[in-house]
Amino acid sequence: MAVGKTTEKGAAEVEEGETAAAEKGAKKGPTAEEKGKGVAAEEAGKVVVAYGDTITLKSSDGKPFEVSKEAAARLSERLAEMIASGGCIDGGGIDLDSIGAEALEKVVGYCNKRDPVAAAASGSRSFEFSTAAPSKELEDSDRELVDRLSTDDLFDLVEAADFLKMDGLLDVTCRKIADMMRGKNTAQIREIFNIENDYTKGEEEEVLKEHDWAFGE
C-alpha cells in the first residue's frame, strides 16, 4: 500500500478497522482434546488437520512460505475456507496475489508463533491458541513486530490481515496505528502518515465548524 496516496477522507478507514476488530472480539480456544487431534473448526464446517501439517502460501510475486496448517486455519477465516474447499489439495500451495512477500512473511511468522509444534521445537512455554488472552511472551513479540515496521509496511500488514480475516493480527496492527495518532493534532497526523489534504478550503472550514469539539488545536 502506498501511504503517500492516502487522503484525508481515506484516513478514517483506519479508525473503522480498529473498531471492527474490537467488536468481533476474541475467538475461544480449543480444548485439550481438540489440540491433540488437530481439529480446526469453522462456522462453514470443520477442517480436519493432522497435527504438525504445513501448507505453502505464495505471495503476489510467487515467493513461497511454509506455515502451520492448523495455526493458519484457526487464525485466518479466509485460509480456513480455502483449506476446507480443497484449495491446497494438489500440494501446490495457496496463491495470495494481493499480498506481497514482506507482508506475507510477517503473517506466517505470526501464525507459526502460535503453532504448538513450532513452540515446542523452540522450547517456548508461551504457546497459546486462544487470541483472547495471549501470553506475555506473545504480546511482547507482537509489539516488537509492529514497532519495527515502517509506516508503509505497517499499512501493508493491515491490508493483509484484513484480507485474510485475521482478527488477532488486525487488532495488533490497528492498535499500533492508533498509538501513533494518539495525542497528535491534524497537521502532525498528516505528516506521520503522509496524508494528502484533499478538502477544498471551504470544505475544510465546514468540517472544522461541524466538529469543532474534536479539534482542540
N, C-alpha and C. Protein backbone atom coordinates (compact mmCIF):
# COMPACT_ATOMS: atom_id res chain seq x y z
N MET A 1 0.84 -1.20 0.00
CA MET A 1 0.00 0.00 0.00
C MET A 1 0.87 1.23 0.00
N ALA A 2 0.61 2.19 -0.86
CA ALA A 2 1.39 3.39 -0.93
C ALA A 2 0.77 4.44 -0.02
N VAL A 3 1.38 4.67 1.12
CA VAL A 3 0.81 5.59 2.08
C VAL A 3 0.79 7.00 1.53
N GLY A 4 1.72 7.31 0.62
CA GLY A 4 1.78 8.64 0.03
C GLY A 4 0.52 8.99 -0.70
N LYS A 5 -0.29 8.03 -1.10
CA LYS A 5 -1.50 8.28 -1.84
C LYS A 5 -2.72 8.36 -0.91
N THR A 6 -2.51 8.21 0.39
CA THR A 6 -3.61 8.27 1.33
C THR A 6 -4.17 9.68 1.38
N THR A 7 -5.49 9.82 1.48
CA THR A 7 -6.11 11.14 1.55
C THR A 7 -6.72 11.36 2.92
N GLU A 8 -7.08 12.61 3.20
CA GLU A 8 -7.68 12.96 4.48
C GLU A 8 -8.96 12.17 4.70
N LYS A 9 -9.78 12.04 3.64
CA LYS A 9 -11.04 11.32 3.77
C LYS A 9 -10.78 9.84 4.01
N GLY A 10 -9.77 9.29 3.33
CA GLY A 10 -9.50 7.86 3.46
C GLY A 10 -8.91 7.47 4.79
N ALA A 11 -8.33 8.43 5.52
CA ALA A 11 -7.68 8.11 6.79
C ALA A 11 -8.66 7.57 7.82
N ALA A 12 -9.94 7.89 7.66
CA ALA A 12 -10.95 7.43 8.61
C ALA A 12 -11.09 5.92 8.60
N GLU A 13 -10.64 5.25 7.52
CA GLU A 13 -10.76 3.81 7.41
C GLU A 13 -9.94 3.10 8.49
N VAL A 14 -8.85 3.73 8.91
CA VAL A 14 -8.01 3.14 9.95
C VAL A 14 -8.79 2.97 11.24
N GLU A 15 -9.49 4.05 11.65
CA GLU A 15 -10.27 4.00 12.89
C GLU A 15 -11.39 2.98 12.77
N GLU A 16 -12.02 2.89 11.56
CA GLU A 16 -13.10 1.93 11.38
C GLU A 16 -12.58 0.51 11.49
N GLY A 17 -11.34 0.26 10.96
CA GLY A 17 -10.76 -1.07 11.03
C GLY A 17 -10.50 -1.49 12.45
N GLU A 18 -10.02 -0.55 13.27
CA GLU A 18 -9.75 -0.85 14.67
C GLU A 18 -11.03 -1.18 15.42
N THR A 19 -12.09 -0.39 15.14
CA THR A 19 -13.37 -0.62 15.81
C THR A 19 -13.95 -1.97 15.43
N ALA A 20 -13.87 -2.30 14.11
CA ALA A 20 -14.41 -3.58 13.65
C ALA A 20 -13.69 -4.75 14.30
N ALA A 21 -12.37 -4.64 14.42
CA ALA A 21 -11.59 -5.72 15.01
C ALA A 21 -11.96 -5.91 16.48
N ALA A 22 -12.20 -4.79 17.19
CA ALA A 22 -12.54 -4.88 18.60
C ALA A 22 -13.93 -5.47 18.80
N GLU A 23 -14.87 -5.11 17.89
CA GLU A 23 -16.23 -5.59 18.03
C GLU A 23 -16.35 -7.08 17.78
N LYS A 24 -15.52 -7.57 16.87
CA LYS A 24 -15.59 -9.00 16.57
C LYS A 24 -15.20 -9.84 17.79
N GLY A 25 -14.27 -9.28 18.57
CA GLY A 25 -13.88 -9.98 19.80
C GLY A 25 -12.95 -11.14 19.53
N ALA A 26 -12.49 -11.74 20.63
CA ALA A 26 -11.56 -12.85 20.51
C ALA A 26 -12.30 -14.15 20.38
N LYS A 27 -11.68 -15.09 19.68
CA LYS A 27 -12.28 -16.40 19.50
C LYS A 27 -11.87 -17.35 20.62
N LYS A 28 -12.76 -18.21 20.98
CA LYS A 28 -12.48 -19.17 22.04
C LYS A 28 -11.50 -20.22 21.58
N GLY A 29 -10.52 -20.53 22.42
CA GLY A 29 -9.51 -21.51 22.05
C GLY A 29 -10.03 -22.93 22.14
N PRO A 30 -9.30 -23.89 21.59
CA PRO A 30 -9.74 -25.27 21.56
C PRO A 30 -9.53 -25.97 22.89
N THR A 31 -10.20 -27.09 23.10
CA THR A 31 -9.99 -27.90 24.28
C THR A 31 -8.71 -28.71 24.09
N ALA A 32 -8.27 -29.36 25.17
CA ALA A 32 -7.06 -30.17 25.08
C ALA A 32 -7.24 -31.30 24.08
N GLU A 33 -8.45 -31.86 24.05
CA GLU A 33 -8.71 -32.96 23.11
C GLU A 33 -8.63 -32.48 21.68
N GLU A 34 -9.15 -31.28 21.40
CA GLU A 34 -9.10 -30.73 20.05
C GLU A 34 -7.67 -30.45 19.62
N LYS A 35 -6.84 -29.96 20.56
CA LYS A 35 -5.44 -29.70 20.22
C LYS A 35 -4.74 -30.99 19.82
N GLY A 36 -5.00 -32.07 20.55
CA GLY A 36 -4.35 -33.35 20.25
C GLY A 36 -4.73 -33.90 18.90
N LYS A 37 -5.98 -33.72 18.53
CA LYS A 37 -6.45 -34.24 17.26
C LYS A 37 -6.16 -33.30 16.10
N GLY A 38 -5.86 -32.08 16.43
CA GLY A 38 -5.57 -31.12 15.37
C GLY A 38 -6.79 -30.77 14.55
N VAL A 39 -7.89 -30.44 15.24
CA VAL A 39 -9.13 -30.13 14.53
C VAL A 39 -9.32 -28.62 14.49
N ALA A 40 -9.51 -28.07 13.30
CA ALA A 40 -9.76 -26.64 13.16
C ALA A 40 -11.22 -26.45 12.79
N ALA A 41 -12.01 -25.92 13.72
CA ALA A 41 -13.45 -25.78 13.48
C ALA A 41 -13.78 -24.39 12.97
N GLU A 42 -14.62 -24.31 11.96
CA GLU A 42 -15.07 -23.05 11.39
C GLU A 42 -16.58 -23.08 11.25
N GLU A 43 -17.19 -21.90 11.15
CA GLU A 43 -18.63 -21.82 11.04
C GLU A 43 -19.13 -22.53 9.78
N ALA A 44 -18.34 -22.47 8.71
CA ALA A 44 -18.77 -23.06 7.44
C ALA A 44 -18.64 -24.57 7.44
N GLY A 45 -18.04 -25.15 8.48
CA GLY A 45 -17.82 -26.59 8.53
C GLY A 45 -16.60 -26.87 9.38
N LYS A 46 -16.06 -28.07 9.28
CA LYS A 46 -14.88 -28.43 10.05
C LYS A 46 -13.75 -28.84 9.13
N VAL A 47 -12.56 -28.34 9.45
CA VAL A 47 -11.36 -28.68 8.70
C VAL A 47 -10.53 -29.60 9.56
N VAL A 48 -10.32 -30.83 9.13
CA VAL A 48 -9.54 -31.78 9.91
C VAL A 48 -8.10 -31.73 9.44
N VAL A 49 -7.20 -31.42 10.36
CA VAL A 49 -5.80 -31.23 10.02
C VAL A 49 -4.94 -32.12 10.89
N ALA A 50 -4.05 -32.87 10.29
CA ALA A 50 -3.13 -33.71 11.06
C ALA A 50 -2.18 -32.82 11.85
N TYR A 51 -1.94 -33.21 13.10
CA TYR A 51 -1.08 -32.44 13.98
C TYR A 51 0.31 -32.28 13.36
N GLY A 52 0.76 -31.03 13.15
CA GLY A 52 2.08 -30.78 12.60
C GLY A 52 2.10 -30.58 11.10
N ASP A 53 0.95 -30.70 10.42
CA ASP A 53 0.89 -30.48 8.98
C ASP A 53 1.22 -29.02 8.64
N THR A 54 1.77 -28.80 7.46
CA THR A 54 2.04 -27.45 6.99
C THR A 54 1.46 -27.27 5.59
N ILE A 55 1.28 -26.01 5.21
CA ILE A 55 0.89 -25.68 3.84
C ILE A 55 1.81 -24.58 3.34
N THR A 56 1.81 -24.39 2.04
CA THR A 56 2.62 -23.35 1.44
C THR A 56 1.73 -22.20 0.98
N LEU A 57 2.08 -20.99 1.38
CA LEU A 57 1.40 -19.78 0.93
C LEU A 57 2.33 -19.05 -0.01
N LYS A 58 1.80 -18.59 -1.14
CA LYS A 58 2.62 -17.90 -2.13
C LYS A 58 2.21 -16.43 -2.23
N SER A 59 3.20 -15.56 -2.17
CA SER A 59 2.94 -14.13 -2.23
C SER A 59 2.63 -13.69 -3.65
N SER A 60 2.34 -12.42 -3.84
CA SER A 60 1.98 -11.90 -5.15
C SER A 60 3.11 -12.05 -6.16
N ASP A 61 4.35 -12.11 -5.69
CA ASP A 61 5.48 -12.31 -6.60
C ASP A 61 5.95 -13.76 -6.63
N GLY A 62 5.11 -14.66 -6.12
CA GLY A 62 5.40 -16.09 -6.22
C GLY A 62 6.34 -16.65 -5.17
N LYS A 63 6.70 -15.86 -4.15
CA LYS A 63 7.61 -16.36 -3.12
C LYS A 63 6.85 -17.27 -2.16
N PRO A 64 7.35 -18.50 -1.92
CA PRO A 64 6.63 -19.45 -1.06
C PRO A 64 7.02 -19.33 0.41
N PHE A 65 6.03 -19.52 1.28
CA PHE A 65 6.27 -19.53 2.71
C PHE A 65 5.52 -20.71 3.31
N GLU A 66 6.19 -21.46 4.17
CA GLU A 66 5.56 -22.62 4.80
C GLU A 66 5.00 -22.21 6.15
N VAL A 67 3.75 -22.60 6.39
CA VAL A 67 3.08 -22.21 7.63
C VAL A 67 2.34 -23.41 8.20
N SER A 68 2.20 -23.43 9.51
CA SER A 68 1.41 -24.47 10.17
C SER A 68 -0.02 -24.42 9.65
N LYS A 69 -0.50 -25.54 9.13
CA LYS A 69 -1.86 -25.58 8.59
C LYS A 69 -2.88 -25.36 9.71
N GLU A 70 -2.62 -25.95 10.87
CA GLU A 70 -3.56 -25.82 11.98
C GLU A 70 -3.65 -24.37 12.45
N ALA A 71 -2.49 -23.73 12.63
CA ALA A 71 -2.49 -22.35 13.09
C ALA A 71 -3.12 -21.43 12.05
N ALA A 72 -2.82 -21.68 10.77
CA ALA A 72 -3.38 -20.85 9.70
C ALA A 72 -4.90 -20.94 9.68
N ALA A 73 -5.42 -22.17 9.82
CA ALA A 73 -6.87 -22.37 9.77
C ALA A 73 -7.57 -21.77 10.98
N ARG A 74 -6.91 -21.78 12.14
CA ARG A 74 -7.53 -21.24 13.35
C ARG A 74 -7.48 -19.72 13.38
N LEU A 75 -6.41 -19.15 12.86
CA LEU A 75 -6.20 -17.71 12.99
C LEU A 75 -6.75 -16.90 11.82
N SER A 76 -6.96 -17.55 10.67
CA SER A 76 -7.45 -16.85 9.48
C SER A 76 -8.71 -17.51 8.94
N GLU A 77 -9.81 -16.77 8.97
CA GLU A 77 -11.06 -17.32 8.45
C GLU A 77 -10.95 -17.62 6.95
N ARG A 78 -10.27 -16.74 6.22
CA ARG A 78 -10.17 -16.95 4.77
C ARG A 78 -9.32 -18.18 4.44
N LEU A 79 -8.20 -18.36 5.14
CA LEU A 79 -7.37 -19.54 4.89
C LEU A 79 -8.11 -20.82 5.29
N ALA A 80 -8.89 -20.75 6.37
CA ALA A 80 -9.68 -21.92 6.78
C ALA A 80 -10.67 -22.29 5.68
N GLU A 81 -11.29 -21.28 5.06
CA GLU A 81 -12.23 -21.54 3.97
C GLU A 81 -11.53 -22.16 2.77
N MET A 82 -10.33 -21.66 2.45
CA MET A 82 -9.57 -22.19 1.32
C MET A 82 -9.15 -23.63 1.56
N ILE A 83 -8.72 -23.92 2.80
CA ILE A 83 -8.31 -25.28 3.14
C ILE A 83 -9.51 -26.22 3.08
N ALA A 84 -10.63 -25.76 3.64
CA ALA A 84 -11.84 -26.59 3.66
C ALA A 84 -12.35 -26.90 2.26
N SER A 85 -12.17 -25.94 1.34
CA SER A 85 -12.67 -26.13 -0.03
C SER A 85 -11.70 -26.91 -0.91
N GLY A 86 -10.57 -27.34 -0.32
CA GLY A 86 -9.60 -28.10 -1.08
C GLY A 86 -8.68 -27.25 -1.92
N GLY A 87 -8.52 -25.99 -1.50
CA GLY A 87 -7.70 -25.07 -2.27
C GLY A 87 -6.22 -25.41 -2.33
N CYS A 88 -5.76 -26.33 -1.45
CA CYS A 88 -4.34 -26.69 -1.48
C CYS A 88 -4.16 -28.20 -1.53
N ILE A 89 -5.19 -28.92 -1.99
CA ILE A 89 -5.11 -30.38 -2.02
C ILE A 89 -4.04 -30.87 -2.99
N ASP A 90 -3.84 -30.13 -4.08
CA ASP A 90 -2.89 -30.59 -5.10
C ASP A 90 -1.44 -30.43 -4.67
N GLY A 91 -1.21 -29.86 -3.49
CA GLY A 91 0.16 -29.70 -2.99
C GLY A 91 0.86 -28.48 -3.55
N GLY A 92 0.18 -27.72 -4.39
CA GLY A 92 0.81 -26.55 -4.98
C GLY A 92 0.76 -25.32 -4.10
N GLY A 93 0.10 -25.41 -2.97
CA GLY A 93 0.01 -24.28 -2.07
C GLY A 93 -1.16 -23.38 -2.42
N ILE A 94 -1.25 -22.26 -1.71
CA ILE A 94 -2.31 -21.29 -1.91
C ILE A 94 -1.71 -19.99 -2.41
N ASP A 95 -2.20 -19.53 -3.54
CA ASP A 95 -1.71 -18.27 -4.12
C ASP A 95 -2.46 -17.10 -3.49
N LEU A 96 -1.71 -16.14 -2.97
CA LEU A 96 -2.29 -14.94 -2.37
C LEU A 96 -1.79 -13.74 -3.17
N ASP A 97 -2.45 -13.51 -4.29
CA ASP A 97 -1.98 -12.50 -5.24
C ASP A 97 -2.06 -11.07 -4.72
N SER A 98 -2.81 -10.84 -3.67
CA SER A 98 -2.98 -9.48 -3.16
C SER A 98 -2.02 -9.16 -2.01
N ILE A 99 -1.15 -10.10 -1.64
CA ILE A 99 -0.25 -9.89 -0.51
C ILE A 99 1.21 -10.02 -0.97
N GLY A 100 2.00 -9.00 -0.70
CA GLY A 100 3.41 -9.01 -1.06
C GLY A 100 4.22 -9.92 -0.16
N ALA A 101 5.44 -10.21 -0.58
CA ALA A 101 6.29 -11.15 0.15
C ALA A 101 6.62 -10.67 1.56
N GLU A 102 6.93 -9.39 1.73
CA GLU A 102 7.31 -8.90 3.06
C GLU A 102 6.16 -9.01 4.05
N ALA A 103 4.96 -8.64 3.60
CA ALA A 103 3.80 -8.73 4.49
C ALA A 103 3.45 -10.18 4.79
N LEU A 104 3.52 -11.05 3.77
CA LEU A 104 3.18 -12.45 3.96
C LEU A 104 4.16 -13.14 4.90
N GLU A 105 5.42 -12.76 4.83
CA GLU A 105 6.43 -13.33 5.74
C GLU A 105 6.07 -13.03 7.19
N LYS A 106 5.57 -11.82 7.44
CA LYS A 106 5.19 -11.44 8.81
C LYS A 106 3.91 -12.16 9.23
N VAL A 107 2.98 -12.37 8.30
CA VAL A 107 1.76 -13.12 8.59
C VAL A 107 2.12 -14.54 9.00
N VAL A 108 3.01 -15.16 8.24
CA VAL A 108 3.43 -16.53 8.53
C VAL A 108 4.13 -16.62 9.88
N GLY A 109 4.98 -15.65 10.17
CA GLY A 109 5.67 -15.63 11.45
C GLY A 109 4.68 -15.51 12.60
N TYR A 110 3.67 -14.69 12.42
CA TYR A 110 2.62 -14.53 13.44
C TYR A 110 1.90 -15.85 13.69
N CYS A 111 1.57 -16.56 12.61
CA CYS A 111 0.88 -17.85 12.73
C CYS A 111 1.76 -18.89 13.39
N ASN A 112 2.99 -19.01 12.92
CA ASN A 112 3.88 -20.06 13.43
C ASN A 112 4.21 -19.89 14.90
N LYS A 113 4.21 -18.66 15.40
CA LYS A 113 4.46 -18.44 16.82
C LYS A 113 3.32 -18.97 17.67
N ARG A 114 2.19 -19.20 17.02
CA ARG A 114 1.02 -19.72 17.72
C ARG A 114 0.75 -21.17 17.37
N ASP A 115 1.74 -21.83 16.81
CA ASP A 115 1.63 -23.24 16.45
C ASP A 115 2.29 -24.09 17.53
N PRO A 116 1.62 -25.11 18.07
CA PRO A 116 2.18 -25.91 19.16
C PRO A 116 3.46 -26.63 18.80
N VAL A 117 3.58 -27.09 17.55
CA VAL A 117 4.78 -27.81 17.14
C VAL A 117 5.98 -26.88 17.11
N ALA A 118 5.80 -25.69 16.51
CA ALA A 118 6.89 -24.72 16.44
C ALA A 118 7.29 -24.24 17.83
N ALA A 119 6.29 -24.04 18.70
CA ALA A 119 6.57 -23.59 20.05
C ALA A 119 7.37 -24.64 20.82
N ALA A 120 7.01 -25.91 20.64
CA ALA A 120 7.73 -26.99 21.32
C ALA A 120 9.16 -27.09 20.81
N ALA A 121 9.34 -26.93 19.50
CA ALA A 121 10.68 -27.04 18.91
C ALA A 121 11.60 -25.92 19.39
N SER A 122 11.02 -24.74 19.64
CA SER A 122 11.84 -23.61 20.07
C SER A 122 12.01 -23.57 21.59
N GLY A 123 11.32 -24.48 22.29
CA GLY A 123 11.42 -24.51 23.74
C GLY A 123 10.58 -23.44 24.42
N SER A 124 9.69 -22.80 23.63
CA SER A 124 8.86 -21.74 24.19
C SER A 124 7.77 -22.32 25.09
N ARG A 125 7.51 -21.66 26.19
CA ARG A 125 6.45 -22.07 27.10
C ARG A 125 5.22 -21.17 26.94
N SER A 126 5.25 -20.35 25.90
CA SER A 126 4.21 -19.33 25.78
C SER A 126 3.09 -19.71 24.84
N PHE A 127 3.07 -20.97 24.35
CA PHE A 127 2.06 -21.33 23.35
C PHE A 127 0.65 -21.06 23.87
N GLU A 128 -0.12 -20.40 23.04
CA GLU A 128 -1.48 -20.04 23.41
C GLU A 128 -2.31 -19.97 22.14
N PHE A 129 -3.28 -20.89 21.95
CA PHE A 129 -4.11 -20.84 20.75
C PHE A 129 -5.17 -19.76 20.86
N SER A 130 -5.63 -19.49 22.06
CA SER A 130 -6.70 -18.51 22.21
C SER A 130 -6.16 -17.11 22.01
N THR A 131 -6.83 -16.34 21.13
CA THR A 131 -6.42 -14.96 20.93
C THR A 131 -7.03 -14.05 21.98
N ALA A 132 -7.83 -14.62 22.89
CA ALA A 132 -8.47 -13.80 23.92
C ALA A 132 -7.47 -13.34 24.97
N ALA A 133 -6.53 -14.19 25.32
CA ALA A 133 -5.58 -13.85 26.37
C ALA A 133 -4.19 -14.36 26.00
N PRO A 134 -3.53 -13.71 25.05
CA PRO A 134 -2.19 -14.16 24.66
C PRO A 134 -1.21 -14.02 25.81
N SER A 135 -0.19 -14.86 25.82
CA SER A 135 0.80 -14.82 26.88
C SER A 135 1.62 -13.54 26.79
N LYS A 136 2.33 -13.23 27.87
CA LYS A 136 3.18 -12.04 27.90
C LYS A 136 4.23 -12.13 26.80
N GLU A 137 4.76 -13.33 26.56
CA GLU A 137 5.79 -13.51 25.55
C GLU A 137 5.23 -13.20 24.15
N LEU A 138 4.01 -13.66 23.89
CA LEU A 138 3.40 -13.38 22.59
C LEU A 138 3.06 -11.91 22.44
N GLU A 139 2.60 -11.28 23.51
CA GLU A 139 2.29 -9.85 23.47
C GLU A 139 3.55 -9.05 23.15
N ASP A 140 4.66 -9.41 23.78
CA ASP A 140 5.93 -8.72 23.53
C ASP A 140 6.38 -8.95 22.09
N SER A 141 6.18 -10.18 21.59
CA SER A 141 6.57 -10.49 20.22
C SER A 141 5.74 -9.69 19.22
N ASP A 142 4.44 -9.58 19.48
CA ASP A 142 3.57 -8.80 18.60
C ASP A 142 3.96 -7.33 18.60
N ARG A 143 4.27 -6.81 19.78
CA ARG A 143 4.65 -5.41 19.89
C ARG A 143 5.97 -5.15 19.15
N GLU A 144 6.89 -6.08 19.28
CA GLU A 144 8.18 -5.94 18.58
C GLU A 144 7.97 -5.99 17.06
N LEU A 145 7.05 -6.84 16.62
CA LEU A 145 6.76 -6.96 15.20
C LEU A 145 6.32 -5.63 14.60
N VAL A 146 5.33 -4.99 15.21
CA VAL A 146 4.79 -3.75 14.64
C VAL A 146 5.68 -2.54 14.91
N ASP A 147 6.43 -2.57 16.00
CA ASP A 147 7.27 -1.42 16.34
C ASP A 147 8.41 -1.23 15.34
N ARG A 148 8.86 -2.30 14.73
CA ARG A 148 9.99 -2.17 13.82
C ARG A 148 9.58 -1.94 12.36
N LEU A 149 8.29 -1.84 12.11
CA LEU A 149 7.81 -1.65 10.74
C LEU A 149 7.80 -0.18 10.34
N SER A 150 8.09 0.08 9.07
CA SER A 150 7.91 1.43 8.54
C SER A 150 6.41 1.66 8.40
N THR A 151 6.01 2.89 8.19
CA THR A 151 4.59 3.19 8.04
C THR A 151 3.99 2.44 6.84
N ASP A 152 4.71 2.43 5.72
CA ASP A 152 4.23 1.71 4.54
C ASP A 152 4.03 0.23 4.84
N ASP A 153 5.02 -0.38 5.48
CA ASP A 153 4.95 -1.82 5.79
C ASP A 153 3.83 -2.11 6.78
N LEU A 154 3.60 -1.20 7.72
CA LEU A 154 2.53 -1.37 8.70
C LEU A 154 1.17 -1.39 8.00
N PHE A 155 0.96 -0.47 7.07
CA PHE A 155 -0.30 -0.44 6.34
C PHE A 155 -0.45 -1.66 5.43
N ASP A 156 0.65 -2.15 4.87
CA ASP A 156 0.59 -3.36 4.06
C ASP A 156 0.15 -4.55 4.91
N LEU A 157 0.64 -4.60 6.14
CA LEU A 157 0.28 -5.70 7.04
C LEU A 157 -1.18 -5.59 7.48
N VAL A 158 -1.66 -4.36 7.67
CA VAL A 158 -3.07 -4.16 7.98
C VAL A 158 -3.94 -4.72 6.85
N GLU A 159 -3.58 -4.40 5.62
CA GLU A 159 -4.35 -4.87 4.47
C GLU A 159 -4.31 -6.39 4.37
N ALA A 160 -3.13 -6.98 4.63
CA ALA A 160 -3.01 -8.44 4.57
C ALA A 160 -3.88 -9.10 5.63
N ALA A 161 -3.83 -8.57 6.86
CA ALA A 161 -4.63 -9.14 7.95
C ALA A 161 -6.12 -9.01 7.66
N ASP A 162 -6.50 -7.89 7.07
CA ASP A 162 -7.91 -7.67 6.74
C ASP A 162 -8.36 -8.63 5.65
N PHE A 163 -7.54 -8.80 4.62
CA PHE A 163 -7.89 -9.72 3.52
C PHE A 163 -8.02 -11.16 4.02
N LEU A 164 -7.11 -11.56 4.90
CA LEU A 164 -7.11 -12.93 5.41
C LEU A 164 -8.10 -13.14 6.55
N LYS A 165 -8.76 -12.07 6.97
CA LYS A 165 -9.71 -12.14 8.09
C LYS A 165 -9.03 -12.69 9.34
N MET A 166 -7.89 -12.09 9.67
CA MET A 166 -7.13 -12.46 10.86
C MET A 166 -7.38 -11.41 11.94
N ASP A 167 -8.39 -11.64 12.76
CA ASP A 167 -8.79 -10.66 13.75
C ASP A 167 -7.67 -10.29 14.72
N GLY A 168 -6.91 -11.29 15.15
CA GLY A 168 -5.86 -11.04 16.12
C GLY A 168 -4.79 -10.11 15.57
N LEU A 169 -4.30 -10.40 14.37
CA LEU A 169 -3.26 -9.58 13.76
C LEU A 169 -3.80 -8.21 13.37
N LEU A 170 -5.04 -8.15 12.92
CA LEU A 170 -5.64 -6.87 12.57
C LEU A 170 -5.74 -5.97 13.80
N ASP A 171 -6.07 -6.57 14.93
CA ASP A 171 -6.16 -5.81 16.17
C ASP A 171 -4.79 -5.25 16.57
N VAL A 172 -3.76 -6.08 16.45
CA VAL A 172 -2.40 -5.65 16.81
C VAL A 172 -1.95 -4.47 15.95
N THR A 173 -2.16 -4.58 14.64
CA THR A 173 -1.69 -3.53 13.73
C THR A 173 -2.51 -2.24 13.87
N CYS A 174 -3.82 -2.37 14.03
CA CYS A 174 -4.65 -1.17 14.18
C CYS A 174 -4.38 -0.46 15.49
N ARG A 175 -4.06 -1.22 16.54
CA ARG A 175 -3.72 -0.59 17.81
C ARG A 175 -2.42 0.21 17.69
N LYS A 176 -1.50 -0.30 16.90
CA LYS A 176 -0.24 0.42 16.67
C LYS A 176 -0.51 1.74 15.97
N ILE A 177 -1.38 1.72 14.96
CA ILE A 177 -1.71 2.95 14.24
C ILE A 177 -2.41 3.94 15.17
N ALA A 178 -3.30 3.42 16.01
CA ALA A 178 -4.00 4.28 16.97
C ALA A 178 -3.00 4.92 17.94
N ASP A 179 -2.00 4.16 18.37
CA ASP A 179 -0.97 4.69 19.27
C ASP A 179 -0.17 5.80 18.60
N MET A 180 0.09 5.63 17.30
CA MET A 180 0.84 6.63 16.55
C MET A 180 0.04 7.94 16.41
N MET A 181 -1.28 7.84 16.41
CA MET A 181 -2.14 9.01 16.25
C MET A 181 -2.46 9.69 17.57
N ARG A 182 -2.34 8.94 18.67
CA ARG A 182 -2.77 9.46 19.97
C ARG A 182 -1.98 10.71 20.36
N GLY A 183 -2.73 11.77 20.74
CA GLY A 183 -2.10 12.99 21.20
C GLY A 183 -1.59 13.91 20.10
N LYS A 184 -1.80 13.51 18.85
CA LYS A 184 -1.31 14.32 17.73
C LYS A 184 -2.43 15.19 17.17
N ASN A 185 -2.08 16.37 16.68
CA ASN A 185 -3.08 17.21 16.04
C ASN A 185 -3.17 16.84 14.56
N THR A 186 -4.07 17.51 13.85
CA THR A 186 -4.32 17.16 12.45
C THR A 186 -3.06 17.27 11.59
N ALA A 187 -2.33 18.34 11.76
CA ALA A 187 -1.12 18.55 10.95
C ALA A 187 -0.08 17.47 11.22
N GLN A 188 0.08 17.08 12.48
CA GLN A 188 1.06 16.06 12.83
C GLN A 188 0.67 14.70 12.26
N ILE A 189 -0.62 14.39 12.30
CA ILE A 189 -1.09 13.11 11.75
C ILE A 189 -0.86 13.08 10.24
N ARG A 190 -1.13 14.19 9.57
CA ARG A 190 -0.89 14.26 8.13
C ARG A 190 0.59 14.00 7.82
N GLU A 191 1.46 14.56 8.65
CA GLU A 191 2.89 14.41 8.41
C GLU A 191 3.34 12.96 8.66
N ILE A 192 2.86 12.35 9.75
CA ILE A 192 3.26 10.99 10.10
C ILE A 192 2.87 10.00 9.00
N PHE A 193 1.64 10.13 8.51
CA PHE A 193 1.13 9.17 7.54
C PHE A 193 1.18 9.68 6.10
N ASN A 194 1.82 10.84 5.90
CA ASN A 194 1.96 11.42 4.57
C ASN A 194 0.59 11.52 3.89
N ILE A 195 -0.37 12.07 4.62
CA ILE A 195 -1.74 12.17 4.13
C ILE A 195 -1.93 13.46 3.34
N GLU A 196 -2.48 13.33 2.17
CA GLU A 196 -2.78 14.50 1.34
C GLU A 196 -4.13 15.08 1.76
N ASN A 197 -4.16 16.37 1.99
CA ASN A 197 -5.41 17.04 2.34
C ASN A 197 -6.18 17.33 1.04
N ASP A 198 -7.21 16.53 0.75
CA ASP A 198 -7.94 16.69 -0.49
C ASP A 198 -9.24 17.47 -0.30
N TYR A 199 -9.38 18.14 0.83
CA TYR A 199 -10.52 19.02 1.03
C TYR A 199 -10.23 20.39 0.41
N THR A 200 -11.25 21.03 -0.11
CA THR A 200 -11.10 22.42 -0.52
C THR A 200 -11.12 23.27 0.74
N LYS A 201 -10.73 24.53 0.62
CA LYS A 201 -10.71 25.39 1.79
C LYS A 201 -12.10 25.50 2.41
N GLY A 202 -13.10 25.61 1.55
CA GLY A 202 -14.47 25.72 2.05
C GLY A 202 -14.93 24.45 2.75
N GLU A 203 -14.58 23.28 2.19
CA GLU A 203 -14.96 22.00 2.79
C GLU A 203 -14.29 21.82 4.14
N GLU A 204 -13.02 22.22 4.23
CA GLU A 204 -12.30 22.06 5.48
C GLU A 204 -12.88 22.96 6.57
N GLU A 205 -13.24 24.19 6.20
CA GLU A 205 -13.83 25.10 7.17
C GLU A 205 -15.16 24.56 7.69
N GLU A 206 -15.94 23.93 6.78
CA GLU A 206 -17.23 23.37 7.17
C GLU A 206 -17.05 22.20 8.14
N VAL A 207 -16.05 21.35 7.86
CA VAL A 207 -15.78 20.21 8.73
C VAL A 207 -15.35 20.69 10.12
N LEU A 208 -14.47 21.68 10.15
CA LEU A 208 -14.00 22.23 11.43
C LEU A 208 -15.14 22.85 12.22
N LYS A 209 -16.07 23.47 11.50
CA LYS A 209 -17.21 24.10 12.17
C LYS A 209 -18.15 23.06 12.76
N GLU A 210 -18.39 21.99 12.00
CA GLU A 210 -19.32 20.94 12.44
C GLU A 210 -18.75 20.10 13.58
N HIS A 211 -17.42 19.95 13.60
CA HIS A 211 -16.78 19.09 14.60
C HIS A 211 -15.74 19.86 15.40
N ASP A 212 -16.08 21.07 15.78
CA ASP A 212 -15.09 21.89 16.49
C ASP A 212 -14.67 21.28 17.81
N TRP A 213 -15.54 20.44 18.40
CA TRP A 213 -15.21 19.77 19.68
C TRP A 213 -14.03 18.82 19.54
N ALA A 214 -13.77 18.35 18.32
CA ALA A 214 -12.71 17.36 18.12
C ALA A 214 -11.38 18.00 17.76
N PHE A 215 -11.38 19.31 17.53
CA PHE A 215 -10.15 19.98 17.09
C PHE A 215 -9.73 21.01 18.11
N GLY A 216 -8.98 20.57 19.08
CA GLY A 216 -8.51 21.47 20.11
C GLY A 216 -7.16 22.04 19.78
N GLU A 217 -7.01 22.48 18.54
CA GLU A 217 -5.71 22.96 18.08
C GLU A 217 -5.62 24.46 18.21
